[in-house]
Each structure stands twice: as structure tokens, then as C-alpha cells.
Amino acid sequence: MFTIGDFARHGRVSARMLRHYDAVGLLRPEHTDPFTGYRYYSAAQLATLNRVIALKDLGFTLAQVRQILEERVTTEELRGMLKLRQAELEESMSAAAARLAQVEARLRSIESEGRMPTQDVVVKSTPAVRVAVLSAVAASYAPEHIGPVISPLYDQLFTRLKAAGVTPAGPGIAYYEDAPEGGGAVLVHAGCTVSAGQEPGRVPGRDFEVVDLPAVERAATIVHRGPMDTVMPTEQTLARWIDAGGHSSAGYAREVCLECPPDKEKWVTELQVPLG
């Protein structure tokens, strides 16, 4: 028989852990002295302890380990539990690989620029949103072509929303797509978040359209500060991050206007690029 200390050393666990296993009924000592309360374990119990440790290392909870030890789990159920654990580990490995790519991209940026980047890229999901929108065509996606088109669109949109008695329910959201005529032209959509009570589509007497922008499962996002005609360096930072991380963009960026006071130098805009 082994004392709890000797048994713990043989099993490479702590005596505190053995006491916990005893308390939850997972691995009770072979004998407990009724007078001193000292716990004693048999050599045969070491195999049980090893199995507990192995199952825990696979990621099973103590409750699941107990079910397995008591043979209350069928072979098919155990296979399913292992398949689930395999999927969880693969997801963790993918997430770790993505973080590693971000670290490597940050290191390359520091090495090439000689300083710590001041703009951080975050990958996140974005929810579906309902927007009132006006649209027009710009000659290209360059800021000098987008700006003269989108600014009048927003002026008209807010005027028409007010005339229709519609109060914005959230930030402005500009989004883009290739224009049907091609040649590098871009269809510019100046949107503003509205409540879910606004029915999608065009309604007679309402000089704007209400559409639902779908949720994006994974978007690379970055915050731009200042007027949108100076957005190009921020877009380039985001593009370099996407390329360095081995990602691919799945469309144009959405521009979410988080703050837009009269002083454009104080504007705060989040760029959201969907990832393929």
C-alpha cells in the first residue's frame, strides 16, 4: 500500500489532486484509516490513475472521465466524444495559426518600417444591418473619384430621410461593388442604419431604398481617423496585413462612420473588408 504522498509521486500528480478525485468519487483510496483519516492506495490503482490522466489530457471533463471509467459510455458514444474533441483541437490549432500569422506580419511591419505600427487590424464578425441607401456610379475606387460622388449622396439621403419622417437608428455605412458597365467603374452606395420597422425595398413616395446588408462572418477591420480623402494609407495598411497573413479579400471594404463631427479631422471610420 502507498501513502497518498508516495502514490502522488508515482502518479506524477499532487496529493491535493488525489484528495479532489476522492471527493468527487473519481478515484477513492483503497483504504482510509478511520482514526487518522490517512489515505492509502494500492499499486493496482496506479493504472486507474494513469487512465484518468490520459483522458484528462485528451480534454475530457472529470464528469466524462468518471462515466468512461464506470463504463457508462458506449464505444459509439466514446467515438463521438473523441470526434468532438478532435474538431475542437483543430479549431484551436487554426486559431493559433492565425494568431501566429498576425505576429509574423507585425514583425515584418516593424522590421520594414523600423517602428511599432499605430494602426491595428482586428478580425471579427459583423452583424446584418438594415440601411436606407442612395446609389450612384464613380469612375473608379480611387478617393478622388469616390469623394465627389458619395458626399452629395449623403446630403440627399439625409434630406430625404427627414422629409419621410425617418430617423437614423445607427451609423452611416458606405459600401461598394463593381458597376455593371465595367471599365473599373464602381457602384457607390451611401447608406444609413435605420430601424427594423422600415420595410425593405422602394416604397411609393419615398425617394430612397431600404436594403438589408448581410452579416459578414469574418472581416478584417481597421480604424481610420480623419477625412476620407486621406484614407488611402489606412487602406494600404489593411491590404498589406491581409496579404501578409495569407488571407484574401472577398469584396470592397464597408466604411462604417463611427463619429462624423463637423470637423472632418475628427472623423472616426471603421473599414471592414470581408475575408474569403
Protein backbone atom coordinates (compact mmCIF):
# COMPACT_ATOMS: atom_id res chain seq x y z
CA MET A 1 0.00 0.00 0.00
CA PHE A 2 1.14 3.54 -0.73
CA THR A 3 0.58 6.63 1.34
CA ILE A 4 -1.09 9.47 -0.53
CA GLY A 5 2.29 11.21 -0.85
CA ASP A 6 4.04 8.17 -2.32
CA PHE A 7 1.13 7.44 -4.63
CA ALA A 8 1.10 11.06 -5.83
CA ARG A 9 4.81 10.89 -6.65
CA HIS A 10 4.39 7.66 -8.60
CA GLY A 11 1.43 9.06 -10.49
CA ARG A 12 3.06 12.47 -11.14
CA VAL A 13 0.13 14.32 -9.60
CA SER A 14 -0.30 16.35 -6.43
CA ALA A 15 -1.73 14.99 -3.19
CA ARG A 16 -4.29 17.81 -3.38
CA MET A 17 -5.47 16.47 -6.76
CA LEU A 18 -5.84 12.96 -5.30
CA ARG A 19 -7.94 14.37 -2.48
CA HIS A 20 -10.12 16.08 -5.07
CA TYR A 21 -10.52 12.85 -7.06
CA ASP A 22 -11.58 11.15 -3.82
CA ALA A 23 -14.07 13.92 -3.01
CA VAL A 24 -15.79 13.69 -6.40
CA GLY A 25 -15.81 9.89 -6.35
CA LEU A 26 -13.45 9.51 -9.27
CA LEU A 27 -10.60 7.63 -7.56
CA ARG A 28 -11.16 6.62 -3.96
CA PRO A 29 -8.26 5.27 -1.86
CA GLU A 30 -8.04 1.54 -1.26
CA HIS A 31 -8.14 2.20 2.46
CA THR A 32 -8.76 5.18 4.70
CA ASP A 33 -7.66 4.92 8.33
CA PRO A 34 -10.79 5.53 10.41
CA PHE A 35 -8.80 7.15 13.21
CA THR A 36 -6.25 9.31 11.40
CA GLY A 37 -8.07 9.81 8.08
CA TYR A 38 -4.88 8.90 6.22
CA ARG A 39 -5.47 7.62 2.70
CA TYR A 40 -3.70 4.55 1.31
CA TYR A 41 -3.62 3.38 -2.31
CA SER A 42 -2.78 0.04 -3.91
CA ALA A 43 -0.33 -0.45 -6.76
CA ALA A 44 -3.19 -1.65 -8.98
CA GLN A 45 -4.84 1.77 -8.65
CA LEU A 46 -1.93 3.36 -10.47
CA ALA A 47 -3.33 2.01 -13.76
CA THR A 48 -6.65 3.74 -12.99
CA LEU A 49 -4.84 6.98 -12.16
CA ASN A 50 -2.89 6.78 -15.42
CA ARG A 51 -6.14 6.37 -17.32
CA VAL A 52 -7.66 9.37 -15.57
CA ILE A 53 -4.62 11.48 -16.51
CA ALA A 54 -4.68 10.27 -20.12
CA LEU A 55 -8.39 11.04 -20.51
CA LYS A 56 -7.94 14.46 -18.93
CA ASP A 57 -5.08 15.18 -21.34
CA LEU A 58 -7.49 14.46 -24.18
CA GLY A 59 -9.66 17.27 -22.85
CA PHE A 60 -12.44 15.31 -21.15
CA THR A 61 -14.07 16.76 -18.05
CA LEU A 62 -13.90 14.87 -14.77
CA ALA A 63 -17.58 14.01 -15.12
CA GLN A 64 -16.91 12.50 -18.54
CA VAL A 65 -13.86 10.65 -17.22
CA ARG A 66 -15.97 9.16 -14.45
CA GLN A 67 -18.59 7.98 -16.95
CA ILE A 68 -15.89 6.32 -19.05
CA LEU A 69 -14.26 4.64 -16.05
CA GLU A 70 -17.61 3.32 -14.87
CA GLU A 71 -18.30 2.06 -18.42
CA ARG A 72 -21.44 4.15 -18.67
CA VAL A 73 -20.30 5.35 -22.11
CA THR A 74 -20.72 3.07 -25.12
CA THR A 75 -17.98 2.65 -27.69
CA GLU A 76 -20.03 4.65 -30.17
CA GLU A 77 -20.55 7.45 -27.65
CA LEU A 78 -16.84 7.49 -26.85
CA ARG A 79 -16.07 7.71 -30.57
CA GLY A 80 -18.41 10.68 -30.82
CA MET A 81 -16.79 12.38 -27.82
CA LEU A 82 -13.36 11.91 -29.36
CA LYS A 83 -14.54 13.24 -32.74
CA LEU A 84 -15.91 16.34 -31.00
CA ARG A 85 -12.65 16.82 -29.12
CA GLN A 86 -10.73 16.39 -32.38
CA ALA A 87 -12.81 19.14 -34.00
CA GLU A 88 -12.24 21.44 -31.00
CA LEU A 89 -8.48 20.89 -31.16
CA GLU A 90 -8.39 21.50 -34.91
CA GLU A 91 -10.28 24.76 -34.40
CA SER A 92 -7.83 25.79 -31.67
CA MET A 93 -4.90 24.98 -33.96
CA SER A 94 -6.42 27.06 -36.76
CA ALA A 95 -6.93 29.98 -34.38
CA ALA A 96 -3.36 29.64 -33.11
CA ALA A 97 -2.05 29.53 -36.69
CA ALA A 98 -3.98 32.71 -37.48
CA ARG A 99 -2.52 34.45 -34.44
CA LEU A 100 0.96 33.27 -35.42
CA ALA A 101 0.45 34.77 -38.89
CA GLN A 102 -0.59 38.06 -37.28
CA VAL A 103 2.52 38.07 -35.08
CA GLU A 104 4.73 37.37 -38.09
CA ALA A 105 3.02 40.13 -40.07
CA ARG A 106 3.56 42.57 -37.21
CA LEU A 107 7.24 41.61 -37.01
CA ARG A 108 7.68 42.15 -40.74
CA SER A 109 5.99 45.53 -40.44
CA ILE A 110 8.29 46.56 -37.60
CA GLU A 111 11.36 45.35 -39.50
CA SER A 112 10.41 47.18 -42.69
CA GLU A 113 9.26 50.43 -41.08
CA GLY A 114 11.55 50.45 -38.05
CA ARG A 115 8.73 51.21 -35.62
CA MET A 116 5.65 49.75 -33.99
CA PRO A 117 2.53 50.10 -36.18
CA THR A 118 -0.02 52.55 -34.75
CA GLN A 119 -2.99 51.03 -36.60
CA ASP A 120 -4.18 47.62 -35.51
CA VAL A 121 -6.15 45.16 -37.64
CA VAL A 122 -8.78 43.03 -35.92
CA VAL A 123 -10.68 40.12 -37.47
CA LYS A 124 -14.28 39.92 -36.32
CA SER A 125 -17.80 39.11 -37.48
CA THR A 126 -20.20 41.90 -38.36
CA PRO A 127 -23.97 41.62 -37.90
CA ALA A 128 -26.61 42.06 -40.57
CA VAL A 129 -27.91 45.62 -40.72
CA ARG A 130 -30.82 47.42 -42.40
CA VAL A 131 -29.92 50.64 -44.21
CA ALA A 132 -31.60 53.35 -46.21
CA VAL A 133 -29.47 53.95 -49.28
CA LEU A 134 -28.89 56.12 -52.33
CA SER A 135 -26.55 54.94 -55.07
CA ALA A 136 -24.54 56.36 -57.96
CA VAL A 137 -21.58 55.39 -60.16
CA ALA A 138 -18.00 56.60 -59.64
CA ALA A 139 -15.32 56.36 -62.33
CA SER A 140 -13.08 54.24 -60.04
CA TYR A 141 -12.47 53.25 -56.43
CA ALA A 142 -9.82 55.95 -56.01
CA PRO A 143 -10.63 58.54 -53.29
CA GLU A 144 -10.57 61.37 -55.80
CA HIS A 145 -13.41 59.68 -57.71
CA ILE A 146 -15.37 58.36 -54.71
CA GLY A 147 -15.42 61.60 -52.70
CA PRO A 148 -17.25 63.81 -55.24
CA VAL A 149 -19.91 61.12 -55.67
CA ILE A 150 -20.56 59.98 -52.11
CA SER A 151 -20.70 63.37 -50.39
CA PRO A 152 -23.71 64.63 -52.44
CA LEU A 153 -25.37 61.24 -52.00
CA TYR A 154 -25.27 61.57 -48.21
CA ASP A 155 -26.56 65.16 -48.38
CA GLN A 156 -29.52 63.98 -50.46
CA LEU A 157 -30.09 60.88 -48.31
CA PHE A 158 -30.40 62.77 -45.02
CA THR A 159 -32.67 65.36 -46.64
CA ARG A 160 -34.95 62.63 -47.96
CA LEU A 161 -34.94 60.72 -44.67
CA LYS A 162 -36.04 63.86 -42.84
CA ALA A 163 -38.79 64.52 -45.40
CA ALA A 164 -40.03 60.95 -44.98
CA GLY A 165 -40.00 61.22 -41.18
CA VAL A 166 -37.37 58.51 -40.85
CA THR A 167 -34.86 58.89 -38.00
CA PRO A 168 -31.46 57.21 -38.44
CA ALA A 169 -31.01 54.34 -35.99
CA GLY A 170 -27.25 53.96 -36.23
CA PRO A 171 -24.12 54.92 -38.15
CA GLY A 172 -23.73 55.66 -41.80
CA ILE A 173 -22.43 52.71 -43.80
CA ALA A 174 -20.95 53.17 -47.25
CA TYR A 175 -20.38 50.10 -49.39
CA TYR A 176 -19.27 49.44 -52.95
CA GLU A 177 -19.47 46.96 -55.80
CA ASP A 178 -18.30 46.78 -59.38
CA ALA A 179 -20.54 48.79 -61.68
CA PRO A 180 -22.36 46.82 -64.40
CA GLU A 181 -20.70 48.85 -67.14
CA GLY A 182 -17.24 47.63 -66.06
CA GLY A 183 -14.10 49.52 -67.02
CA GLY A 184 -13.13 49.97 -63.37
CA ALA A 185 -16.28 51.92 -62.54
CA VAL A 186 -17.70 51.40 -59.05
CA LEU A 187 -21.28 51.49 -57.82
CA VAL A 188 -21.26 53.68 -54.71
CA HIS A 189 -23.90 53.09 -52.02
CA ALA A 190 -24.33 55.78 -49.36
CA GLY A 191 -26.25 54.11 -46.57
CA CYS A 192 -27.54 54.96 -43.12
CA THR A 193 -28.72 52.49 -40.50
CA VAL A 194 -32.49 52.51 -39.95
CA SER A 195 -34.77 50.59 -37.62
CA ALA A 196 -36.04 47.09 -38.37
CA GLY A 197 -39.51 48.60 -38.72
CA GLN A 198 -38.56 50.16 -42.06
CA GLU A 199 -39.69 47.74 -44.76
CA PRO A 200 -37.04 46.78 -47.35
CA GLY A 201 -37.45 47.87 -50.95
CA ARG A 202 -38.79 51.01 -52.56
CA VAL A 203 -42.00 52.48 -51.18
CA PRO A 204 -44.08 54.92 -53.26
CA GLY A 205 -43.44 58.47 -52.19
CA ARG A 206 -40.11 57.58 -50.59
CA ASP A 207 -37.07 58.74 -52.58
CA PHE A 208 -34.63 56.17 -51.25
CA GLU A 209 -34.31 52.40 -50.97
CA VAL A 210 -34.13 50.28 -47.83
CA VAL A 211 -31.93 47.18 -48.06
CA ASP A 212 -30.57 44.54 -45.71
CA LEU A 213 -26.79 44.23 -45.70
CA PRO A 214 -25.91 40.62 -44.82
CA ALA A 215 -23.77 39.66 -41.86
CA VAL A 216 -20.08 39.03 -42.56
CA GLU A 217 -18.61 36.01 -40.78
CA ARG A 218 -15.01 37.20 -40.96
CA ALA A 219 -13.97 40.75 -41.72
CA ALA A 220 -10.54 42.38 -41.34
CA THR A 221 -11.19 45.75 -39.71
CA ILE A 222 -9.12 48.85 -39.08
CA VAL A 223 -9.97 52.29 -37.73
CA HIS A 224 -9.26 55.38 -39.84
CA ARG A 225 -9.11 58.79 -38.23
CA GLY A 226 -9.58 61.91 -40.27
CA PRO A 227 -11.33 62.81 -43.55
CA MET A 228 -12.00 60.05 -46.05
CA ASP A 229 -9.92 61.73 -48.74
CA THR A 230 -6.86 60.72 -46.67
CA VAL A 231 -7.95 57.09 -46.26
CA MET A 232 -5.51 55.59 -48.76
CA PRO A 233 -2.64 54.91 -46.27
CA THR A 234 -5.09 53.18 -43.92
CA GLU A 235 -6.41 51.07 -46.78
CA GLN A 236 -2.86 50.16 -47.76
CA THR A 237 -2.06 49.11 -44.18
CA LEU A 238 -5.12 46.88 -44.20
CA ALA A 239 -4.25 45.43 -47.61
CA ARG A 240 -0.68 44.64 -46.51
CA TRP A 241 -1.99 42.91 -43.39
CA ILE A 242 -4.39 40.79 -45.44
CA ASP A 243 -1.64 39.81 -47.87
CA ALA A 244 0.97 39.13 -45.17
CA GLY A 245 -1.44 36.89 -43.27
CA GLY A 246 -2.17 34.79 -46.33
CA HIS A 247 -5.79 35.96 -46.46
CA SER A 248 -7.79 37.13 -49.44
CA SER A 249 -10.42 39.85 -49.62
CA ALA A 250 -13.90 38.92 -50.77
CA GLY A 251 -15.02 42.36 -51.88
CA TYR A 252 -14.70 46.07 -51.27
CA ALA A 253 -14.48 47.46 -47.75
CA ARG A 254 -17.53 48.71 -45.94
CA GLU A 255 -17.00 52.10 -44.34
CA VAL A 256 -18.81 52.49 -41.02
CA CYS A 257 -18.91 56.12 -39.84
CA LEU A 258 -18.44 55.84 -36.07
CA GLU A 259 -18.04 59.58 -35.49
CA CYS A 260 -18.54 62.36 -38.04
CA PRO A 261 -18.49 65.80 -36.35
CA PRO A 262 -18.35 68.99 -38.44
CA ASP A 263 -14.55 68.96 -38.15
CA LYS A 264 -13.57 66.19 -40.59
CA GLU A 265 -10.16 65.86 -38.95
CA LYS A 266 -12.01 64.28 -36.01
CA TRP A 267 -13.93 61.74 -38.09
CA VAL A 268 -13.60 58.11 -37.00
CA THR A 269 -14.38 55.45 -39.61
CA GLU A 270 -14.02 51.68 -39.43
CA LEU A 271 -13.05 49.90 -42.63
CA GLN A 272 -14.40 46.34 -42.83
CA VAL A 273 -13.02 44.06 -45.56
CA PRO A 274 -14.75 40.68 -45.88
CA LEU A 275 -12.26 37.82 -45.97
CA GLY A 276 -12.55 34.93 -48.40
